[in-house]
Amino acid sequence: MEREGVVPDTIAFNSIIDASAQLGDVGRAGRWFEEMRKAGIQPDAFTFAALINARSKRGKETRDPGHIDKAEQIFEEMVREGITPHIISFNSLIDASAQLGDIDRASRLFENMQKTNMRPERETYNILVNAYAQRGKSNTDPKQVEEAERILEDMIQNEIEPDIVSFTSFINASAQLGDI
């Protein structure tokens, strides 16, 4: 970038990293991140969110938990550096973990999110309700559907109004079990 007379800053690097990530080029996003570090530019929560989202997305697409592991390592690096995670980072990790069937990891991340005093959004709850509901449908385990219901109740208790996605996931799982 400097060769073209552009003095890179955090915003410039974030834009390039995010664009690479959006195009699905996780390797290129990582190389730009390294360039950012070499240039002495400090990454911020948005830098890390782009990298975490890219790895999480790739993990979902390839069904490869290694990408989710790498996303979580990036997340931990961000925290070690004293950068407060953005909800996008949590949601990306929770969603990717849930999509790969690792509901235990998704739940652990959800709990960690709450420990950092970050308030889950509707999307966060919907990811978990859907994950438990899908797991309950796939193995006809009523305990999973009960957990989906508990999360739905927690959502309401925290004054987040469920939407069509929340209810549809839960109702479909309950119907599958014949519990309506």
C-alpha atoms as a PDB file:
ATOM      1  CA  MET A   1       0.000   0.000   0.000  1.00  0.00           C
ATOM      2  CA  GLU A   2       2.786   2.398   0.866  1.00  0.00           C
ATOM      3  CA  ARG A   3       4.259   1.881  -2.599  1.00  0.00           C
ATOM      4  CA  GLU A   4       1.118   3.494  -4.059  1.00  0.00           C
ATOM      5  CA  GLY A   5       1.368   6.436  -1.667  1.00  0.00           C
ATOM      6  CA  VAL A   6      -1.295   5.159   0.689  1.00  0.00           C
ATOM      7  CA  VAL A   7      -0.321   5.321   4.319  1.00  0.00           C
ATOM      8  CA  PRO A   8      -2.137   2.408   5.872  1.00  0.00           C
ATOM      9  CA  ASP A   9      -4.044   2.854   9.094  1.00  0.00           C
ATOM     10  CA  THR A  10      -6.376   0.633  11.094  1.00  0.00           C
ATOM     11  CA  ILE A  11      -9.365   1.488   8.911  1.00  0.00           C
ATOM     12  CA  ALA A  12      -7.495   0.687   5.689  1.00  0.00           C
ATOM     13  CA  PHE A  13      -6.239  -2.628   7.000  1.00  0.00           C
ATOM     14  CA  ASN A  14      -9.639  -3.515   8.454  1.00  0.00           C
ATOM     15  CA  SER A  15     -11.265  -2.824   5.094  1.00  0.00           C
ATOM     16  CA  ILE A  16      -8.833  -5.072   3.240  1.00  0.00           C
ATOM     17  CA  ILE A  17      -9.016  -7.826   5.865  1.00  0.00           C
ATOM     18  CA  ASP A  18     -12.814  -7.712   5.878  1.00  0.00           C
ATOM     19  CA  ALA A  19     -13.012  -7.693   2.065  1.00  0.00           C
ATOM     20  CA  SER A  20     -10.704 -10.726   1.901  1.00  0.00           C
ATOM     21  CA  ALA A  21     -12.805 -12.447   4.533  1.00  0.00           C
ATOM     22  CA  GLN A  22     -16.062 -11.631   2.714  1.00  0.00           C
ATOM     23  CA  LEU A  23     -14.602 -13.177  -0.432  1.00  0.00           C
ATOM     24  CA  GLY A  24     -13.839 -16.321   1.529  1.00  0.00           C
ATOM     25  CA  ASP A  25     -10.076 -15.913   1.250  1.00  0.00           C
ATOM     26  CA  VAL A  26      -9.127 -16.707   4.833  1.00  0.00           C
ATOM     27  CA  GLY A  27      -5.433 -17.002   3.932  1.00  0.00           C
ATOM     28  CA  ARG A  28      -5.310 -13.548   2.391  1.00  0.00           C
ATOM     29  CA  ALA A  29      -7.136 -12.046   5.380  1.00  0.00           C
ATOM     30  CA  GLY A  30      -4.522 -13.638   7.649  1.00  0.00           C
ATOM     31  CA  ARG A  31      -1.634 -12.338   5.538  1.00  0.00           C
ATOM     32  CA  TRP A  32      -3.058  -8.798   5.672  1.00  0.00           C
ATOM     33  CA  PHE A  33      -3.377  -9.163   9.435  1.00  0.00           C
ATOM     34  CA  GLU A  34       0.321 -10.060   9.616  1.00  0.00           C
ATOM     35  CA  GLU A  35       1.159  -7.079   7.382  1.00  0.00           C
ATOM     36  CA  MET A  36      -0.819  -4.885   9.737  1.00  0.00           C
ATOM     37  CA  ARG A  37       1.232  -6.139  12.679  1.00  0.00           C
ATOM     38  CA  LYS A  38       4.520  -5.657  10.775  1.00  0.00           C
ATOM     39  CA  ALA A  39       3.497  -2.084   9.976  1.00  0.00           C
ATOM     40  CA  GLY A  40       3.053  -1.456  13.699  1.00  0.00           C
ATOM     41  CA  ILE A  41      -0.667  -0.856  13.354  1.00  0.00           C
ATOM     42  CA  GLN A  42      -2.683  -2.079  16.318  1.00  0.00           C
ATOM     43  CA  PRO A  43      -5.637  -4.286  15.426  1.00  0.00           C
ATOM     44  CA  ASP A  44      -8.953  -3.421  17.030  1.00  0.00           C
ATOM     45  CA  ALA A  45     -12.165  -5.310  17.810  1.00  0.00           C
ATOM     46  CA  PHE A  46     -13.307  -4.942  14.193  1.00  0.00           C
ATOM     47  CA  THR A  47     -10.049  -6.426  12.876  1.00  0.00           C
ATOM     48  CA  PHE A  48     -10.455  -9.459  15.077  1.00  0.00           C
ATOM     49  CA  ALA A  49     -14.184  -9.718  14.318  1.00  0.00           C
ATOM     50  CA  ALA A  50     -13.434  -9.921  10.585  1.00  0.00           C
ATOM     51  CA  LEU A  51     -10.870 -12.690  11.128  1.00  0.00           C
ATOM     52  CA  ILE A  52     -13.088 -14.615  13.533  1.00  0.00           C
ATOM     53  CA  ASN A  53     -16.059 -14.309  11.198  1.00  0.00           C
ATOM     54  CA  ALA A  54     -13.958 -15.482   8.232  1.00  0.00           C
ATOM     55  CA  ARG A  55     -12.713 -18.574  10.059  1.00  0.00           C
ATOM     56  CA  SER A  56     -16.148 -19.337  11.481  1.00  0.00           C
ATOM     57  CA  LYS A  57     -17.775 -18.996   8.086  1.00  0.00           C
ATOM     58  CA  ARG A  58     -15.151 -21.238   6.496  1.00  0.00           C
ATOM     59  CA  GLY A  59     -15.675 -23.816   9.232  1.00  0.00           C
ATOM     60  CA  LYS A  60     -19.410 -23.877   8.534  1.00  0.00           C
ATOM     61  CA  GLU A  61     -18.871 -24.141   4.773  1.00  0.00           C
ATOM     62  CA  THR A  62     -16.282 -26.912   4.939  1.00  0.00           C
ATOM     63  CA  ARG A  63     -17.705 -28.611   8.052  1.00  0.00           C
ATOM     64  CA  ASP A  64     -14.123 -28.478   9.372  1.00  0.00           C
ATOM     65  CA  PRO A  65     -13.918 -27.835  13.126  1.00  0.00           C
ATOM     66  CA  GLY A  66     -10.264 -26.844  12.681  1.00  0.00           C
ATOM     67  CA  HIS A  67     -11.417 -23.478  11.364  1.00  0.00           C
ATOM     68  CA  ILE A  68     -13.588 -23.003  14.442  1.00  0.00           C
ATOM     69  CA  ASP A  69     -10.606 -23.899  16.635  1.00  0.00           C
ATOM     70  CA  LYS A  70      -8.531 -21.268  14.809  1.00  0.00           C
ATOM     71  CA  ALA A  71     -11.338 -18.707  15.169  1.00  0.00           C
ATOM     72  CA  GLU A  72     -11.416 -19.375  18.902  1.00  0.00           C
ATOM     73  CA  GLN A  73      -7.618 -18.984  19.095  1.00  0.00           C
ATOM     74  CA  ILE A  74      -7.918 -15.615  17.362  1.00  0.00           C
ATOM     75  CA  PHE A  75     -10.655 -14.696  19.843  1.00  0.00           C
ATOM     76  CA  GLU A  76      -8.406 -15.646  22.781  1.00  0.00           C
ATOM     77  CA  GLU A  77      -5.544 -13.608  21.283  1.00  0.00           C
ATOM     78  CA  MET A  78      -7.847 -10.592  21.107  1.00  0.00           C
ATOM     79  CA  VAL A  79      -8.799 -10.975  24.761  1.00  0.00           C
ATOM     80  CA  ARG A  80      -5.133 -11.438  25.806  1.00  0.00           C
ATOM     81  CA  GLU A  81      -4.334  -8.172  24.062  1.00  0.00           C
ATOM     82  CA  GLY A  82      -6.965  -6.429  26.157  1.00  0.00           C
ATOM     83  CA  ILE A  83      -9.405  -5.830  23.338  1.00  0.00           C
ATOM     84  CA  THR A  84     -13.047  -6.161  24.306  1.00  0.00           C
ATOM     85  CA  PRO A  85     -14.788  -8.587  21.977  1.00  0.00           C
ATOM     86  CA  HIS A  86     -17.658  -7.348  19.857  1.00  0.00           C
ATOM     87  CA  ILE A  87     -20.940  -9.253  19.879  1.00  0.00           C
ATOM     88  CA  ILE A  88     -20.306 -10.151  16.238  1.00  0.00           C
ATOM     89  CA  SER A  89     -17.287 -12.201  17.332  1.00  0.00           C
ATOM     90  CA  PHE A  90     -19.293 -14.088  19.927  1.00  0.00           C
ATOM     91  CA  ASN A  91     -22.200 -14.690  17.556  1.00  0.00           C
ATOM     92  CA  SER A  92     -19.888 -15.939  14.793  1.00  0.00           C
ATOM     93  CA  LEU A  93     -18.246 -18.456  17.102  1.00  0.00           C
ATOM     94  CA  ILE A  94     -21.489 -19.563  18.727  1.00  0.00           C
ATOM     95  CA  ASP A  95     -23.205 -19.989  15.354  1.00  0.00           C
ATOM     96  CA  ALA A  96     -20.319 -21.894  13.748  1.00  0.00           C
ATOM     97  CA  SER A  97     -19.998 -24.184  16.754  1.00  0.00           C
ATOM     98  CA  ALA A  98     -23.726 -24.863  16.763  1.00  0.00           C
ATOM     99  CA  GLN A  99     -23.816 -25.465  13.004  1.00  0.00           C
ATOM    100  CA  LEU A 100     -21.100 -28.112  13.371  1.00  0.00           C
ATOM    101  CA  GLY A 101     -23.064 -29.760  16.164  1.00  0.00           C
ATOM    102  CA  ASP A 102     -20.720 -28.680  18.963  1.00  0.00           C
ATOM    103  CA  ILE A 103     -23.479 -27.443  21.235  1.00  0.00           C
ATOM    104  CA  ASP A 104     -21.220 -27.742  24.288  1.00  0.00           C
ATOM    105  CA  ARG A 105     -18.778 -25.231  22.807  1.00  0.00           C
ATOM    106  CA  ALA A 106     -21.627 -22.967  21.736  1.00  0.00           C
ATOM    107  CA  SER A 107     -23.052 -23.035  25.263  1.00  0.00           C
ATOM    108  CA  ARG A 108     -19.634 -22.394  26.817  1.00  0.00           C
ATOM    109  CA  LEU A 109     -19.124 -19.396  24.536  1.00  0.00           C
ATOM    110  CA  PHE A 110     -22.597 -18.111  25.419  1.00  0.00           C
ATOM    111  CA  GLU A 111     -21.748 -18.376  29.135  1.00  0.00           C
ATOM    112  CA  ASN A 112     -18.398 -16.633  28.578  1.00  0.00           C
ATOM    113  CA  MET A 113     -20.218 -13.887  26.734  1.00  0.00           C
ATOM    114  CA  GLN A 114     -22.468 -13.307  29.715  1.00  0.00           C
ATOM    115  CA  LYS A 115     -19.484 -13.367  32.112  1.00  0.00           C
ATOM    116  CA  THR A 116     -17.982 -10.446  30.203  1.00  0.00           C
ATOM    117  CA  ASN A 117     -21.210  -8.525  30.905  1.00  0.00           C
ATOM    118  CA  MET A 118     -22.076  -8.521  27.232  1.00  0.00           C
ATOM    119  CA  ARG A 119     -25.811  -8.772  26.750  1.00  0.00           C
ATOM    120  CA  PRO A 120     -26.848 -11.399  24.216  1.00  0.00           C
ATOM    121  CA  GLU A 121     -28.950 -10.168  21.321  1.00  0.00           C
ATOM    122  CA  ARG A 122     -31.984 -11.808  19.778  1.00  0.00           C
ATOM    123  CA  GLU A 123     -29.711 -13.362  17.163  1.00  0.00           C
ATOM    124  CA  THR A 124     -27.558 -14.941  19.875  1.00  0.00           C
ATOM    125  CA  TYR A 125     -30.562 -16.518  21.545  1.00  0.00           C
ATOM    126  CA  ASN A 126     -31.996 -17.653  18.220  1.00  0.00           C
ATOM    127  CA  ILE A 127     -28.750 -19.421  17.350  1.00  0.00           C
ATOM    128  CA  LEU A 128     -28.918 -21.401  20.576  1.00  0.00           C
ATOM    129  CA  VAL A 129     -32.656 -22.100  20.487  1.00  0.00           C
ATOM    130  CA  ASN A 130     -32.264 -23.410  16.945  1.00  0.00           C
ATOM    131  CA  ALA A 131     -29.171 -25.466  17.824  1.00  0.00           C
ATOM    132  CA  TYR A 132     -30.847 -27.215  20.736  1.00  0.00           C
ATOM    133  CA  ALA A 133     -34.061 -27.660  18.788  1.00  0.00           C
ATOM    134  CA  GLN A 134     -32.202 -29.212  15.833  1.00  0.00           C
ATOM    135  CA  ARG A 135     -30.251 -31.475  18.129  1.00  0.00           C
ATOM    136  CA  GLY A 136     -33.457 -32.563  19.825  1.00  0.00           C
ATOM    137  CA  LYS A 137     -35.102 -33.270  16.473  1.00  0.00           C
ATOM    138  CA  SER A 138     -32.161 -35.223  15.129  1.00  0.00           C
ATOM    139  CA  ASN A 139     -31.766 -37.542  18.078  1.00  0.00           C
ATOM    140  CA  THR A 140     -35.316 -37.284  19.465  1.00  0.00           C
ATOM    141  CA  ASP A 141     -33.930 -36.209  22.819  1.00  0.00           C
ATOM    142  CA  PRO A 142     -36.584 -34.271  24.734  1.00  0.00           C
ATOM    143  CA  LYS A 143     -33.886 -32.839  27.039  1.00  0.00           C
ATOM    144  CA  GLN A 144     -32.484 -30.871  24.105  1.00  0.00           C
ATOM    145  CA  VAL A 145     -35.887 -29.394  23.348  1.00  0.00           C
ATOM    146  CA  GLU A 146     -36.280 -28.603  27.056  1.00  0.00           C
ATOM    147  CA  GLU A 147     -32.965 -26.750  26.888  1.00  0.00           C
ATOM    148  CA  ALA A 148     -34.231 -24.813  23.860  1.00  0.00           C
ATOM    149  CA  GLU A 149     -37.298 -23.896  25.908  1.00  0.00           C
ATOM    150  CA  ARG A 150     -35.105 -22.805  28.840  1.00  0.00           C
ATOM    151  CA  ILE A 151     -33.117 -20.524  26.536  1.00  0.00           C
ATOM    152  CA  LEU A 152     -36.343 -19.118  25.106  1.00  0.00           C
ATOM    153  CA  GLU A 153     -37.544 -18.381  28.656  1.00  0.00           C
ATOM    154  CA  ASP A 154     -34.180 -16.789  29.506  1.00  0.00           C
ATOM    155  CA  MET A 155     -34.555 -14.618  26.425  1.00  0.00           C
ATOM    156  CA  ILE A 156     -37.970 -13.403  27.567  1.00  0.00           C
ATOM    157  CA  GLN A 157     -36.751 -12.890  31.146  1.00  0.00           C
ATOM    158  CA  ASN A 158     -33.947 -10.695  29.784  1.00  0.00           C
ATOM    159  CA  GLU A 159     -36.562  -8.587  27.989  1.00  0.00           C
ATOM    160  CA  ILE A 160     -35.617  -9.681  24.502  1.00  0.00           C
ATOM    161  CA  GLU A 161     -38.711 -10.375  22.491  1.00  0.00           C
ATOM    162  CA  PRO A 162     -38.622 -13.669  20.586  1.00  0.00           C
ATOM    163  CA  ASP A 163     -39.389 -13.448  16.894  1.00  0.00           C
ATOM    164  CA  ILE A 164     -40.656 -15.817  14.237  1.00  0.00           C
ATOM    165  CA  VAL A 165     -37.273 -17.558  14.072  1.00  0.00           C
ATOM    166  CA  SER A 166     -37.290 -18.199  17.825  1.00  0.00           C
ATOM    167  CA  PHE A 167     -40.754 -19.698  17.870  1.00  0.00           C
ATOM    168  CA  THR A 168     -40.472 -21.611  14.594  1.00  0.00           C
ATOM    169  CA  SER A 169     -37.314 -23.425  15.721  1.00  0.00           C
ATOM    170  CA  PHE A 170     -38.858 -24.376  19.024  1.00  0.00           C
ATOM    171  CA  ILE A 171     -42.259 -25.391  17.637  1.00  0.00           C
ATOM    172  CA  ASN A 172     -40.736 -27.532  14.871  1.00  0.00           C
ATOM    173  CA  ALA A 173     -38.590 -29.443  17.370  1.00  0.00           C
ATOM    174  CA  SER A 174     -41.532 -29.920  19.724  1.00  0.00           C
ATOM    175  CA  ALA A 175     -43.734 -31.144  16.877  1.00  0.00           C
ATOM    176  CA  GLN A 176     -41.060 -33.613  15.786  1.00  0.00           C
ATOM    177  CA  LEU A 177     -41.169 -35.108  19.264  1.00  0.00           C
ATOM    178  CA  GLY A 178     -44.963 -35.055  19.250  1.00  0.00           C
ATOM    179  CA  ASP A 179     -44.921 -32.646  22.187  1.00  0.00           C
ATOM    180  CA  ILE A 180     -47.314 -29.876  21.174  1.00  0.00           C
END
